[in-house]
Amino acid sequence: MFEMNTLRKDRQPIFDWRHVQLIKNQIVGDEFEMVQLFPAESRLMDTANQYWFYGFSDPKEKFPFGYDSRSVSGPETGLSQRTFED
């Protein structure tokens, strides 16, 4: 297994990740983990402009990949990151 980090050369957002995280939190809860799958072409499902996310039904179950701790930065770090909205 490998990790792929997507990044624009100008370091601007590709999509509003914090917005998608907020939607996930509102729909399934803060402590549920979800992933978005970019499937092999042989399993592609592309019938409309939709997004598919997958997760466990138990918030205690975690994926065996990703980070073990939290790290959140804001614009004060000089990175291309907006502040959280209330």
Protein backbone atom coordinates (compact mmCIF):
# COMPACT_ATOMS: atom_id res chain seq x y z
CA MET A 1 0.00 0.00 0.00
CA PHE A 2 1.19 3.53 -0.68
CA GLU A 3 0.06 7.07 0.03
CA MET A 4 -0.52 9.61 -2.73
CA ASN A 5 -0.51 13.27 -1.72
CA THR A 6 -2.05 15.51 -4.38
CA LEU A 7 -0.78 19.05 -4.46
CA ARG A 8 -1.07 21.89 -6.92
CA LYS A 9 2.16 23.70 -7.76
CA ASP A 10 0.68 26.94 -6.40
CA ARG A 11 -0.45 25.08 -3.23
CA GLN A 12 -4.05 26.29 -3.63
CA PRO A 13 -6.92 23.92 -2.75
CA ILE A 14 -8.05 21.37 -5.31
CA PHE A 15 -11.42 21.24 -3.57
CA ASP A 16 -12.58 22.54 -0.22
CA TRP A 17 -11.46 19.65 1.99
CA ARG A 18 -12.72 21.32 5.17
CA HIS A 19 -16.18 21.63 3.62
CA VAL A 20 -16.26 17.91 2.77
CA GLN A 21 -15.04 17.10 6.32
CA LEU A 22 -17.86 19.24 7.77
CA ILE A 23 -20.45 17.43 5.61
CA LYS A 24 -19.06 14.04 6.76
CA ASN A 25 -19.25 15.15 10.40
CA GLN A 26 -22.83 16.37 10.01
CA ILE A 27 -24.02 13.21 8.25
CA VAL A 28 -22.23 10.39 10.08
CA GLY A 29 -20.47 12.05 13.05
CA ASP A 30 -17.13 13.55 14.08
CA GLU A 31 -15.39 10.30 15.02
CA PHE A 32 -16.42 8.20 12.02
CA GLU A 33 -13.75 7.67 9.38
CA MET A 34 -14.65 7.69 5.70
CA VAL A 35 -12.58 7.23 2.56
CA GLN A 36 -13.17 8.15 -1.05
CA LEU A 37 -12.23 5.39 -3.47
CA PHE A 38 -10.76 6.05 -6.89
CA PRO A 39 -11.33 2.58 -8.34
CA ALA A 40 -9.62 0.60 -11.04
CA GLU A 41 -11.09 1.43 -14.44
CA SER A 42 -12.69 -2.03 -14.48
CA ARG A 43 -14.78 -1.03 -11.41
CA LEU A 44 -15.43 2.59 -12.39
CA MET A 45 -18.84 4.07 -11.51
CA ASP A 46 -19.15 7.42 -13.31
CA THR A 47 -22.82 7.99 -14.15
CA ALA A 48 -23.23 11.50 -12.72
CA ASN A 49 -21.27 14.17 -10.91
CA GLN A 50 -21.41 12.26 -7.59
CA TYR A 51 -18.90 11.36 -4.91
CA TRP A 52 -18.73 7.99 -3.16
CA PHE A 53 -17.40 7.64 0.37
CA TYR A 54 -17.03 4.44 2.36
CA GLY A 55 -16.75 3.90 6.09
CA PHE A 56 -17.44 1.66 9.05
CA SER A 57 -20.73 1.60 10.92
CA ASP A 58 -18.83 1.70 14.26
CA PRO A 59 -16.94 4.94 15.08
CA LYS A 60 -14.37 2.92 17.07
CA GLU A 61 -13.21 1.13 13.91
CA LYS A 62 -10.38 2.92 12.13
CA PHE A 63 -8.72 2.29 8.79
CA PRO A 64 -5.30 0.61 8.99
CA PHE A 65 -3.73 3.59 7.17
CA GLY A 66 -3.53 7.34 7.67
CA TYR A 67 -2.16 9.30 10.61
CA ASP A 68 -2.20 8.42 14.31
CA SER A 69 -2.57 11.96 15.63
CA ARG A 70 -4.21 15.29 14.81
CA SER A 71 -2.37 18.20 13.15
CA VAL A 72 -4.33 21.28 12.03
CA SER A 73 -2.80 24.50 10.73
CA GLY A 74 -4.26 27.87 9.88
CA PRO A 75 -3.14 30.81 7.75
CA GLU A 76 -0.73 31.94 10.49
CA THR A 77 1.64 29.16 9.38
CA GLY A 78 2.08 30.73 5.92
CA LEU A 79 0.46 27.71 4.29
CA SER A 80 -2.50 27.97 1.90
CA GLN A 81 -5.10 27.25 4.55
CA ARG A 82 -8.18 29.22 5.40
CA THR A 83 -9.57 29.59 8.90
CA PHE A 84 -12.36 27.35 10.15
CA GLU A 85 -15.82 28.87 9.96
CA ASP A 86 -18.06 28.73 13.01
